[in-house]
C-alpha atoms as a PDB file:
ATOM      1  CA  UNK A   1     -47.742  71.805  -2.596  1.00  0.00           C
ATOM      2  CA  UNK A   2     -48.042  68.203  -4.053  1.00  0.00           C
ATOM      3  CA  UNK A   3     -44.470  68.512  -5.143  1.00  0.00           C
ATOM      4  CA  UNK A   4     -43.866  69.002  -1.765  1.00  0.00           C
ATOM      5  CA  UNK A   5     -45.530  65.366  -1.034  1.00  0.00           C
ATOM      6  CA  UNK A   6     -44.224  63.972  -3.813  1.00  0.00           C
ATOM      7  CA  UNK A   7     -40.298  64.871  -2.367  1.00  0.00           C
ATOM      8  CA  UNK A   8     -41.352  63.543   1.203  1.00  0.00           C
ATOM      9  CA  UNK A   9     -42.976  60.444   0.246  1.00  0.00           C
ATOM     10  CA  UNK A  10     -39.688  59.316  -2.012  1.00  0.00           C
ATOM     11  CA  UNK A  11     -37.257  60.717   0.898  1.00  0.00           C
ATOM     12  CA  UNK A  12     -39.258  57.946   3.629  1.00  0.00           C
ATOM     13  CA  UNK A  13     -39.389  55.624   0.285  1.00  0.00           C
ATOM     14  CA  UNK A  14     -35.748  56.001  -0.266  1.00  0.00           C
ATOM     15  CA  UNK A  15     -35.098  55.630   3.497  1.00  0.00           C
ATOM     16  CA  UNK A  16     -37.173  52.358   4.309  1.00  0.00           C
ATOM     17  CA  UNK A  17     -35.460  51.311   0.515  1.00  0.00           C
ATOM     18  CA  UNK A  18     -31.976  52.259   2.859  1.00  0.00           C
ATOM     19  CA  UNK A  19     -33.057  50.422   5.975  1.00  0.00           C
ATOM     20  CA  UNK A  20     -33.854  47.534   3.829  1.00  0.00           C
ATOM     21  CA  UNK A  21     -30.835  47.409   2.642  1.00  0.00           C
ATOM     22  CA  UNK A  22     -29.489  47.624   5.691  1.00  0.00           C
ATOM     23  CA  UNK A  23     -31.090  45.379   6.934  1.00  0.00           C
ATOM     24  CA  UNK A  24     -29.952  42.570   4.414  1.00  0.00           C
ATOM     25  CA  UNK A  25     -26.467  43.114   4.476  1.00  0.00           C
ATOM     26  CA  UNK A  26     -26.890  42.794   8.236  1.00  0.00           C
ATOM     27  CA  UNK A  27     -28.194  39.138   7.814  1.00  0.00           C
ATOM     28  CA  UNK A  28     -25.618  38.745   5.269  1.00  0.00           C
ATOM     29  CA  UNK A  29     -22.385  39.600   7.421  1.00  0.00           C
ATOM     30  CA  UNK A  30     -22.456  36.829   9.718  1.00  0.00           C
ATOM     31  CA  UNK A  31     -22.052  34.134   6.489  1.00  0.00           C
ATOM     32  CA  UNK A  32     -19.702  36.498   4.486  1.00  0.00           C
ATOM     33  CA  UNK A  33     -17.114  37.030   7.819  1.00  0.00           C
ATOM     34  CA  UNK A  34     -17.461  32.927   7.915  1.00  0.00           C
ATOM     35  CA  UNK A  35     -16.367  32.645   3.917  1.00  0.00           C
ATOM     36  CA  UNK A  36     -13.715  34.614   4.734  1.00  0.00           C
ATOM     37  CA  UNK A  37     -12.511  33.467   8.268  1.00  0.00           C
ATOM     38  CA  UNK A  38     -12.809  29.843   7.456  1.00  0.00           C
ATOM     39  CA  UNK A  39     -12.707  29.384   3.845  1.00  0.00           C
ATOM     40  CA  UNK A  40     -10.903  32.313   2.284  1.00  0.00           C
ATOM     41  CA  UNK A  41      -8.286  32.743   5.145  1.00  0.00           C
ATOM     42  CA  UNK A  42      -7.507  28.927   5.673  1.00  0.00           C
ATOM     43  CA  UNK A  43      -7.241  28.964   1.699  1.00  0.00           C
ATOM     44  CA  UNK A  44      -4.508  31.401   1.178  1.00  0.00           C
ATOM     45  CA  UNK A  45      -2.958  30.212   4.325  1.00  0.00           C
ATOM     46  CA  UNK A  46      -2.747  27.189   2.968  1.00  0.00           C
ATOM     47  CA  UNK A  47      -1.351  28.299  -0.363  1.00  0.00           C
ATOM     48  CA  UNK A  48       1.424  30.288   1.951  1.00  0.00           C
ATOM     49  CA  UNK A  49       2.278  26.767   2.942  1.00  0.00           C
ATOM     50  CA  UNK A  50       2.560  25.927   0.515  1.00  0.00           C
ATOM     51  CA  UNK A  51       6.634  27.834   0.325  1.00  0.00           C
ATOM     52  CA  UNK A  52       7.360  26.668   3.374  1.00  0.00           C
ATOM     53  CA  UNK A  53       8.477  23.608   5.244  1.00  0.00           C
ATOM     54  CA  UNK A  54       6.391  23.431   8.938  1.00  0.00           C
ATOM     55  CA  UNK A  55       6.198  20.290  11.192  1.00  0.00           C
ATOM     56  CA  UNK A  56       4.095  21.771  13.273  1.00  0.00           C
ATOM     57  CA  UNK A  57       6.149  21.516  16.072  1.00  0.00           C
ATOM     58  CA  UNK A  58       8.322  23.871  14.678  1.00  0.00           C
ATOM     59  CA  UNK A  59       7.921  27.682  12.721  1.00  0.00           C
ATOM     60  CA  UNK A  60       7.264  27.377   9.313  1.00  0.00           C
ATOM     61  CA  UNK A  61      10.634  28.152   7.634  1.00  0.00           C
ATOM     62  CA  UNK A  62      10.855  29.467   4.115  1.00  0.00           C
ATOM     63  CA  UNK A  63      11.839  26.116   1.259  1.00  0.00           C
ATOM     64  CA  UNK A  64      10.551  28.941  -1.578  1.00  0.00           C
ATOM     65  CA  UNK A  65       9.032  26.054  -4.304  1.00  0.00           C
ATOM     66  CA  UNK A  66      11.263  23.459  -3.166  1.00  0.00           C
ATOM     67  CA  UNK A  67       8.157  21.688  -2.183  1.00  0.00           C
ATOM     68  CA  UNK A  68       6.349  21.765  -5.478  1.00  0.00           C
ATOM     69  CA  UNK A  69      10.123  20.442  -7.044  1.00  0.00           C
ATOM     70  CA  UNK A  70       9.599  17.198  -4.701  1.00  0.00           C
ATOM     71  CA  UNK A  71       6.443  16.533  -6.438  1.00  0.00           C
ATOM     72  CA  UNK A  72       8.075  15.283  -9.330  1.00  0.00           C
ATOM     73  CA  UNK A  73      10.611  13.350  -7.834  1.00  0.00           C
ATOM     74  CA  UNK A  74       7.553  11.736  -5.456  1.00  0.00           C
ATOM     75  CA  UNK A  75       6.626   8.142  -7.022  1.00  0.00           C
ATOM     76  CA  UNK A  76       4.001   7.436  -3.789  1.00  0.00           C
ATOM     77  CA  UNK A  77       2.723  11.172  -5.802  1.00  0.00           C
ATOM     78  CA  UNK A  78       2.312   9.654  -8.602  1.00  0.00           C
ATOM     79  CA  UNK A  79       1.266   6.288  -7.773  1.00  0.00           C
ATOM     80  CA  UNK A  80      -1.299   7.982  -5.853  1.00  0.00           C
ATOM     81  CA  UNK A  81      -2.401  10.246  -8.938  1.00  0.00           C
ATOM     82  CA  UNK A  82      -2.640   6.777 -11.035  1.00  0.00           C
ATOM     83  CA  UNK A  83      -4.436   5.031  -8.390  1.00  0.00           C
ATOM     84  CA  UNK A  84      -6.802   7.707  -7.789  1.00  0.00           C
ATOM     85  CA  UNK A  85      -7.542   8.258 -11.522  1.00  0.00           C
ATOM     86  CA  UNK A  86      -7.872   4.593 -12.430  1.00  0.00           C
ATOM     87  CA  UNK A  87     -10.722   4.558  -9.885  1.00  0.00           C
ATOM     88  CA  UNK A  88     -12.884   8.021 -10.850  1.00  0.00           C
ATOM     89  CA  UNK A  89     -12.176   6.685 -15.320  1.00  0.00           C
ATOM     90  CA  UNK A  90     -14.088   3.673 -13.866  1.00  0.00           C
ATOM     91  CA  UNK A  91     -16.081   3.982 -11.399  1.00  0.00           C
ATOM     92  CA  UNK A  92     -18.081   7.420 -12.584  1.00  0.00           C
ATOM     93  CA  UNK A  93     -19.100   5.691 -15.754  1.00  0.00           C
ATOM     94  CA  UNK A  94     -20.613   2.380 -14.142  1.00  0.00           C
ATOM     95  CA  UNK A  95     -22.351   5.040 -11.011  1.00  0.00           C
ATOM     96  CA  UNK A  96     -24.172   6.902 -13.805  1.00  0.00           C
ATOM     97  CA  UNK A  97     -24.722   3.934 -16.530  1.00  0.00           C
ATOM     98  CA  UNK A  98     -26.421   1.729 -13.200  1.00  0.00           C
ATOM     99  CA  UNK A  99     -28.119   4.825 -11.567  1.00  0.00           C
ATOM    100  CA  UNK A 100     -29.642   5.936 -14.974  1.00  0.00           C
ATOM    101  CA  UNK A 101     -30.804   2.220 -15.675  1.00  0.00           C
ATOM    102  CA  UNK A 102     -32.559   2.142 -12.963  1.00  0.00           C
ATOM    103  CA  UNK A 103     -34.307   5.224 -12.874  1.00  0.00           C
ATOM    104  CA  UNK A 104     -35.525   3.815 -15.783  1.00  0.00           C
ATOM    105  CA  UNK A 105     -37.218   0.691 -15.186  1.00  0.00           C
ATOM    106  CA  UNK A 106     -38.533   2.616 -11.306  1.00  0.00           C
ATOM    107  CA  UNK A 107     -39.985   5.006 -14.114  1.00  0.00           C
ATOM    108  CA  UNK A 108     -42.156   2.309 -15.230  1.00  0.00           C
ATOM    109  CA  UNK A 109     -45.323   1.599 -14.277  1.00  0.00           C
ATOM    110  CA  UNK A 110     -44.698  -1.597 -11.895  1.00  0.00           C
ATOM    111  CA  UNK A 111     -45.727  -3.770  -8.057  1.00  0.00           C
ATOM    112  CA  UNK A 112     -44.484  -2.373  -5.210  1.00  0.00           C
ATOM    113  CA  UNK A 113     -42.907   1.043  -7.131  1.00  0.00           C
ATOM    114  CA  UNK A 114     -42.402   2.408  -3.691  1.00  0.00           C
ATOM    115  CA  UNK A 115     -40.743   0.220  -2.197  1.00  0.00           C
ATOM    116  CA  UNK A 116     -37.949  -1.007  -4.797  1.00  0.00           C
ATOM    117  CA  UNK A 117     -37.570   2.704  -5.018  1.00  0.00           C
ATOM    118  CA  UNK A 118     -37.236   2.936  -1.024  1.00  0.00           C
ATOM    119  CA  UNK A 119     -34.832  -0.429  -1.271  1.00  0.00           C
ATOM    120  CA  UNK A 120     -32.301   0.743  -3.558  1.00  0.00           C
ATOM    121  CA  UNK A 121     -31.792   4.394  -2.345  1.00  0.00           C
ATOM    122  CA  UNK A 122     -32.095   3.457   1.618  1.00  0.00           C
ATOM    123  CA  UNK A 123     -27.821   2.505   0.810  1.00  0.00           C
ATOM    124  CA  UNK A 124     -26.951   6.368  -0.230  1.00  0.00           C
ATOM    125  CA  UNK A 125     -27.543   7.736   2.842  1.00  0.00           C
ATOM    126  CA  UNK A 126     -26.136   4.698   5.052  1.00  0.00           C
ATOM    127  CA  UNK A 127     -23.094   6.133   7.054  1.00  0.00           C
ATOM    128  CA  UNK A 128     -19.487   6.185   4.543  1.00  0.00           C
ATOM    129  CA  UNK A 129     -18.064   4.171   7.962  1.00  0.00           C
ATOM    130  CA  UNK A 130     -20.983   1.801   8.468  1.00  0.00           C
ATOM    131  CA  UNK A 131     -21.190   0.706   4.679  1.00  0.00           C
ATOM    132  CA  UNK A 132     -16.826   0.163   4.750  1.00  0.00           C
ATOM    133  CA  UNK A 133     -17.201  -2.026   7.942  1.00  0.00           C
ATOM    134  CA  UNK A 134     -20.308  -4.109   5.847  1.00  0.00           C
ATOM    135  CA  UNK A 135     -17.912  -4.499   2.744  1.00  0.00           C
ATOM    136  CA  UNK A 136     -14.668  -5.680   4.985  1.00  0.00           C
ATOM    137  CA  UNK A 137     -17.297  -8.373   5.582  1.00  0.00           C
ATOM    138  CA  UNK A 138     -18.965  -8.991   2.455  1.00  0.00           C
ATOM    139  CA  UNK A 139     -15.289  -9.487   1.034  1.00  0.00           C
ATOM    140  CA  UNK A 140     -13.951 -11.444   3.368  1.00  0.00           C
ATOM    141  CA  UNK A 141     -11.596 -13.722   1.576  1.00  0.00           C
ATOM    142  CA  UNK A 142     -12.620 -16.766   4.248  1.00  0.00           C
ATOM    143  CA  UNK A 143     -16.262 -16.131   6.063  1.00  0.00           C
ATOM    144  CA  UNK A 144     -17.842 -13.236   3.775  1.00  0.00           C
ATOM    145  CA  UNK A 145     -20.744 -13.381   1.632  1.00  0.00           C
ATOM    146  CA  UNK A 146     -18.913 -12.801  -1.342  1.00  0.00           C
ATOM    147  CA  UNK A 147     -16.618 -15.759  -1.848  1.00  0.00           C
ATOM    148  CA  UNK A 148     -19.800 -17.461  -0.322  1.00  0.00           C
ATOM    149  CA  UNK A 149     -21.591 -17.431  -3.419  1.00  0.00           C
ATOM    150  CA  UNK A 150     -18.881 -17.777  -5.935  1.00  0.00           C
ATOM    151  CA  UNK A 151     -17.905 -20.943  -3.923  1.00  0.00           C
ATOM    152  CA  UNK A 152     -21.809 -22.515  -4.156  1.00  0.00           C
ATOM    153  CA  UNK A 153     -21.545 -22.127  -8.172  1.00  0.00           C
ATOM    154  CA  UNK A 154     -17.832 -23.378  -7.672  1.00  0.00           C
ATOM    155  CA  UNK A 155     -15.661 -20.340  -8.221  1.00  0.00           C
ATOM    156  CA  UNK A 156     -12.644 -19.649  -5.316  1.00  0.00           C
ATOM    157  CA  UNK A 157     -13.513 -16.155  -4.978  1.00  0.00           C
ATOM    158  CA  UNK A 158      -9.612 -13.895  -4.440  1.00  0.00           C
ATOM    159  CA  UNK A 159      -8.305 -12.426  -1.612  1.00  0.00           C
ATOM    160  CA  UNK A 160     -10.352  -8.919  -2.436  1.00  0.00           C
ATOM    161  CA  UNK A 161      -8.754  -6.346  -0.265  1.00  0.00           C
ATOM    162  CA  UNK A 162      -5.352  -8.294   0.302  1.00  0.00           C
ATOM    163  CA  UNK A 163      -4.530  -8.741  -3.481  1.00  0.00           C
ATOM    164  CA  UNK A 164      -3.196  -6.143  -5.238  1.00  0.00           C
ATOM    165  CA  UNK A 165      -4.582  -7.034  -8.173  1.00  0.00           C
ATOM    166  CA  UNK A 166      -7.945  -6.868  -7.309  1.00  0.00           C
ATOM    167  CA  UNK A 167      -8.167  -4.086  -4.114  1.00  0.00           C
ATOM    168  CA  UNK A 168      -9.032  -1.349  -6.257  1.00  0.00           C
ATOM    169  CA  UNK A 169     -11.299  -3.549  -8.760  1.00  0.00           C
ATOM    170  CA  UNK A 170     -13.158  -4.148  -4.921  1.00  0.00           C
ATOM    171  CA  UNK A 171     -13.254  -0.591  -4.301  1.00  0.00           C
ATOM    172  CA  UNK A 172     -14.467   0.115  -7.517  1.00  0.00           C
ATOM    173  CA  UNK A 173     -17.135  -2.287  -6.975  1.00  0.00           C
ATOM    174  CA  UNK A 174     -18.039  -0.921  -3.298  1.00  0.00           C
ATOM    175  CA  UNK A 175     -18.805   2.341  -5.565  1.00  0.00           C
ATOM    176  CA  UNK A 176     -22.107   1.212  -6.580  1.00  0.00           C
ATOM    177  CA  UNK A 177     -23.156   1.139  -3.670  1.00  0.00           C
ATOM    178  CA  UNK A 178     -24.382   4.361  -3.099  1.00  0.00           C
ATOM    179  CA  UNK A 179     -25.483   4.927  -6.820  1.00  0.00           C
ATOM    180  CA  UNK A 180     -29.185   5.009  -5.450  1.00  0.00           C
ATOM    181  CA  UNK A 181     -28.738   8.792  -4.407  1.00  0.00           C
ATOM    182  CA  UNK A 182     -27.966   9.502  -8.161  1.00  0.00           C
ATOM    183  CA  UNK A 183     -30.739   6.969  -9.490  1.00  0.00           C
ATOM    184  CA  UNK A 184     -33.358   9.354  -7.594  1.00  0.00           C
ATOM    185  CA  UNK A 185     -31.965  13.035  -8.984  1.00  0.00           C
ATOM    186  CA  UNK A 186     -32.348  10.863 -12.310  1.00  0.00           C
ATOM    187  CA  UNK A 187     -36.157   9.557 -11.684  1.00  0.00           C
ATOM    188  CA  UNK A 188     -37.190  12.563 -11.167  1.00  0.00           C
ATOM    189  CA  UNK A 189     -35.706  14.061 -14.156  1.00  0.00           C
ATOM    190  CA  UNK A 190     -37.464  11.552 -16.074  1.00  0.00           C
ATOM    191  CA  UNK A 191     -40.620  12.013 -14.504  1.00  0.00           C
ATOM    192  CA  UNK A 192     -40.479  15.881 -15.973  1.00  0.00           C
ATOM    193  CA  UNK A 193     -40.016  14.576 -19.463  1.00  0.00           C
ATOM    194  CA  UNK A 194     -43.244  16.427 -21.566  1.00  0.00           C
ATOM    195  CA  UNK A 195     -45.168  13.099 -22.564  1.00  0.00           C
ATOM    196  CA  UNK A 196     -45.931  14.903 -25.827  1.00  0.00           C
ATOM    197  CA  UNK A 197     -42.797  14.620 -27.545  1.00  0.00           C
ATOM    198  CA  UNK A 198     -43.016  10.680 -26.450  1.00  0.00           C
ATOM    199  CA  UNK A 199     -46.242  10.650 -28.190  1.00  0.00           C
ATOM    200  CA  UNK A 200     -44.696  12.603 -30.621  1.00  0.00           C
ATOM    201  CA  UNK A 201     -42.201  10.238 -31.592  1.00  0.00           C
ATOM    202  CA  UNK A 202     -44.479   6.967 -31.629  1.00  0.00           C
ATOM    203  CA  UNK A 203     -46.822   8.812 -34.381  1.00  0.00           C
ATOM    204  CA  UNK A 204     -43.104   9.316 -36.312  1.00  0.00           C
ATOM    205  CA  UNK A 205     -42.393   5.553 -35.583  1.00  0.00           C
ATOM    206  CA  UNK A 206     -39.808   5.282 -33.000  1.00  0.00           C
ATOM    207  CA  UNK A 207     -40.055   2.556 -30.895  1.00  0.00           C
ATOM    208  CA  UNK A 208     -38.276   2.114 -27.645  1.00  0.00           C
ATOM    209  CA  UNK A 209     -34.589   2.478 -28.513  1.00  0.00           C
ATOM    210  CA  UNK A 210     -35.053   5.312 -30.203  1.00  0.00           C
ATOM    211  CA  UNK A 211     -37.315   7.292 -28.064  1.00  0.00           C
ATOM    212  CA  UNK A 212     -34.556   6.716 -25.151  1.00  0.00           C
ATOM    213  CA  UNK A 213     -31.957   7.861 -27.440  1.00  0.00           C
ATOM    214  CA  UNK A 214     -33.433  11.044 -29.575  1.00  0.00           C
ATOM    215  CA  UNK A 215     -35.809  11.929 -26.399  1.00  0.00           C
ATOM    216  CA  UNK A 216     -34.970  10.504 -23.359  1.00  0.00           C
ATOM    217  CA  UNK A 217     -31.404  11.583 -23.054  1.00  0.00           C
ATOM    218  CA  UNK A 218     -31.512  14.727 -24.354  1.00  0.00           C
ATOM    219  CA  UNK A 219     -34.040  16.090 -22.195  1.00  0.00           C
ATOM    220  CA  UNK A 220     -32.372  14.159 -18.981  1.00  0.00           C
ATOM    221  CA  UNK A 221     -28.778  14.910 -19.873  1.00  0.00           C
ATOM    222  CA  UNK A 222     -28.292  18.161 -17.736  1.00  0.00           C
ATOM    223  CA  UNK A 223     -28.836  15.815 -14.913  1.00  0.00           C
ATOM    224  CA  UNK A 224     -26.668  13.919 -16.349  1.00  0.00           C
ATOM    225  CA  UNK A 225     -24.180  15.889 -16.760  1.00  0.00           C
ATOM    226  CA  UNK A 226     -24.398  17.501 -13.140  1.00  0.00           C
ATOM    227  CA  UNK A 227     -23.895  13.737 -11.791  1.00  0.00           C
ATOM    228  CA  UNK A 228     -20.664  13.411 -14.009  1.00  0.00           C
ATOM    229  CA  UNK A 229     -19.479  16.931 -12.107  1.00  0.00           C
ATOM    230  CA  UNK A 230     -20.336  15.815  -9.002  1.00  0.00           C
ATOM    231  CA  UNK A 231     -19.062  12.225  -9.921  1.00  0.00           C
ATOM    232  CA  UNK A 232     -15.058  13.525 -10.639  1.00  0.00           C
ATOM    233  CA  UNK A 233     -15.209  15.432  -7.802  1.00  0.00           C
ATOM    234  CA  UNK A 234     -16.012  13.094  -4.879  1.00  0.00           C
ATOM    235  CA  UNK A 235     -14.311  10.286  -6.396  1.00  0.00           C
ATOM    236  CA  UNK A 236     -10.993  12.475  -6.547  1.00  0.00           C
ATOM    237  CA  UNK A 237     -10.999  13.081  -2.787  1.00  0.00           C
ATOM    238  CA  UNK A 238     -12.031   9.513  -1.480  1.00  0.00           C
ATOM    239  CA  UNK A 239     -10.627   8.473   1.711  1.00  0.00           C
ATOM    240  CA  UNK A 240     -12.624   7.457   4.680  1.00  0.00           C
ATOM    241  CA  UNK A 241     -12.707   4.101   3.204  1.00  0.00           C
ATOM    242  CA  UNK A 242      -9.374   3.982   1.971  1.00  0.00           C
ATOM    243  CA  UNK A 243      -8.185   5.069   5.312  1.00  0.00           C
ATOM    244  CA  UNK A 244     -10.978   2.137   7.093  1.00  0.00           C
ATOM    245  CA  UNK A 245     -10.312  -0.770   5.248  1.00  0.00           C
ATOM    246  CA  UNK A 246      -6.441  -0.805   3.823  1.00  0.00           C
ATOM    247  CA  UNK A 247      -5.084   2.443   4.726  1.00  0.00           C
ATOM    248  CA  UNK A 248      -3.312   2.639   0.642  1.00  0.00           C
ATOM    249  CA  UNK A 249      -2.255  -1.218   0.920  1.00  0.00           C
ATOM    250  CA  UNK A 250      -1.766  -3.709  -0.286  1.00  0.00           C
ATOM    251  CA  UNK A 251       1.918  -2.569  -1.779  1.00  0.00           C
ATOM    252  CA  UNK A 252       0.115   0.715  -2.388  1.00  0.00           C
ATOM    253  CA  UNK A 253      -2.734  -0.648  -4.566  1.00  0.00           C
ATOM    254  CA  UNK A 254      -5.437   1.598  -2.914  1.00  0.00           C
ATOM    255  CA  UNK A 255      -3.396   4.670  -1.851  1.00  0.00           C
ATOM    256  CA  UNK A 256      -5.676   7.014  -2.650  1.00  0.00           C
ATOM    257  CA  UNK A 257      -4.805  10.655  -3.452  1.00  0.00           C
ATOM    258  CA  UNK A 258      -6.552  12.162  -0.439  1.00  0.00           C
ATOM    259  CA  UNK A 259      -5.395   9.516   2.147  1.00  0.00           C
ATOM    260  CA  UNK A 260      -1.202   9.576   0.723  1.00  0.00           C
ATOM    261  CA  UNK A 261      -1.970  13.593   0.974  1.00  0.00           C
ATOM    262  CA  UNK A 262      -3.511  12.883   4.980  1.00  0.00           C
ATOM    263  CA  UNK A 263      -0.552  10.602   5.449  1.00  0.00           C
ATOM    264  CA  UNK A 264       1.733  13.501   4.672  1.00  0.00           C
ATOM    265  CA  UNK A 265       0.371  16.271   6.446  1.00  0.00           C
ATOM    266  CA  UNK A 266      -0.866  14.110   9.791  1.00  0.00           C
ATOM    267  CA  UNK A 267       1.594  10.929   9.882  1.00  0.00           C
ATOM    268  CA  UNK A 268       4.522  12.439   9.026  1.00  0.00           C
ATOM    269  CA  UNK A 269       3.967  16.243   9.932  1.00  0.00           C
ATOM    270  CA  UNK A 270       4.956  18.194   6.724  1.00  0.00           C
ATOM    271  CA  UNK A 271       2.692  20.331   5.695  1.00  0.00           C
ATOM    272  CA  UNK A 272       4.074  22.411   3.867  1.00  0.00           C
ATOM    273  CA  UNK A 273       4.468  19.308   1.127  1.00  0.00           C
ATOM    274  CA  UNK A 274       0.977  18.695   2.064  1.00  0.00           C
ATOM    275  CA  UNK A 275      -0.188  21.657   1.268  1.00  0.00           C
ATOM    276  CA  UNK A 276       1.019  21.589  -1.900  1.00  0.00           C
ATOM    277  CA  UNK A 277       0.051  18.284  -2.758  1.00  0.00           C
ATOM    278  CA  UNK A 278      -3.668  20.088  -2.026  1.00  0.00           C
ATOM    279  CA  UNK A 279      -3.393  22.482  -4.287  1.00  0.00           C
ATOM    280  CA  UNK A 280      -2.418  20.116  -7.118  1.00  0.00           C
ATOM    281  CA  UNK A 281      -5.555  18.389  -6.176  1.00  0.00           C
ATOM    282  CA  UNK A 282      -8.139  21.418  -6.396  1.00  0.00           C
ATOM    283  CA  UNK A 283      -6.098  22.095  -9.987  1.00  0.00           C
ATOM    284  CA  UNK A 284      -7.113  18.845 -11.033  1.00  0.00           C
ATOM    285  CA  UNK A 285     -10.390  18.509  -9.759  1.00  0.00           C
ATOM    286  CA  UNK A 286     -10.615  21.983 -11.719  1.00  0.00           C
ATOM    287  CA  UNK A 287      -9.491  20.967 -14.507  1.00  0.00           C
ATOM    288  CA  UNK A 288     -11.830  17.861 -15.488  1.00  0.00           C
ATOM    289  CA  UNK A 289     -14.316  20.220 -14.506  1.00  0.00           C
ATOM    290  CA  UNK A 290     -13.945  22.906 -17.069  1.00  0.00           C
ATOM    291  CA  UNK A 291     -12.891  20.459 -19.694  1.00  0.00           C
ATOM    292  CA  UNK A 292     -15.863  18.343 -19.298  1.00  0.00           C
ATOM    293  CA  UNK A 293     -18.473  21.192 -19.489  1.00  0.00           C
ATOM    294  CA  UNK A 294     -16.261  21.947 -22.792  1.00  0.00           C
ATOM    295  CA  UNK A 295     -16.556  18.537 -24.081  1.00  0.00           C
ATOM    296  CA  UNK A 296     -20.353  17.976 -23.323  1.00  0.00           C
ATOM    297  CA  UNK A 297     -21.485  21.659 -24.282  1.00  0.00           C
ATOM    298  CA  UNK A 298     -22.965  20.254 -27.518  1.00  0.00           C
ATOM    299  CA  UNK A 299     -24.012  17.058 -25.797  1.00  0.00           C
ATOM    300  CA  UNK A 300     -26.216  18.961 -23.038  1.00  0.00           C
ATOM    301  CA  UNK A 301     -29.507  20.040 -24.300  1.00  0.00           C
ATOM    302  CA  UNK A 302     -30.809  23.024 -22.233  1.00  0.00           C
ATOM    303  CA  UNK A 303     -34.209  24.690 -22.805  1.00  0.00           C
ATOM    304  CA  UNK A 304     -34.304  28.218 -24.121  1.00  0.00           C
ATOM    305  CA  UNK A 305     -34.508  29.691 -21.234  1.00  0.00           C
ATOM    306  CA  UNK A 306     -31.996  27.637 -19.210  1.00  0.00           C
ATOM    307  CA  UNK A 307     -29.356  28.710 -22.178  1.00  0.00           C
ATOM    308  CA  UNK A 308     -30.220  32.254 -21.914  1.00  0.00           C
ATOM    309  CA  UNK A 309     -29.880  32.508 -17.893  1.00  0.00           C
END
């Protein structure tokens, strides 16, 4: 009798587990279908379009590897890739440095700490379009704030967005506007550093600089790596500010990669070639991300449980 009861109990438990599993799959179904239809589907379709000549107004026609071969002969492809790479190489370290420095300052006990934290964070949540128009006024060569301040100390300011030598530099300066978002993450990481480590370092005679190098930076290195990876991804996808402010000019000085991709796809209606450009962007970002992980593997500190996971 006891065996029969145990078998019935196991049967009820098995049915309950199966029912819960089916409810779980049913709950996941909308997400899985959405992912397949709206993510994987377009991804596969764009890969197919790389082998087609498609102008939207006419049916696609097979061209094989012509779109890929065209990349090597396209001077604007190389120009946009160079502009975006230059922007990324300069702006990402600056963003990390400024954001981390602000977090170090705002991790101290100073008067009005909440006000200062809010002040530096708010710009990061301002819509990109609003920020773009704000900087159009700030860097206006005639009535802008930047040249007005420079004039006050006897310096004639440049034509920021209108000068090919200054346009890309101006975009790099603009990129520091949103460092408050990263500052918040750095600040959270700094507050998680165990105070026992600082106490032990002080006992060993370590000064503020050595505590920063040997305690603070290693303990917050995972967040620094995360912000570095996100910076690479975001910088190679810059579009809105270049599209609104300069449209890629002057003389293609601010022709960013995604802006050129947009122009090829929608202005010139070369969807096949635009798909090839998009896949090159994907491969570049993936390669840089993997390279960053590999290079920083020995520089990033993880606790034993995190490393094992």
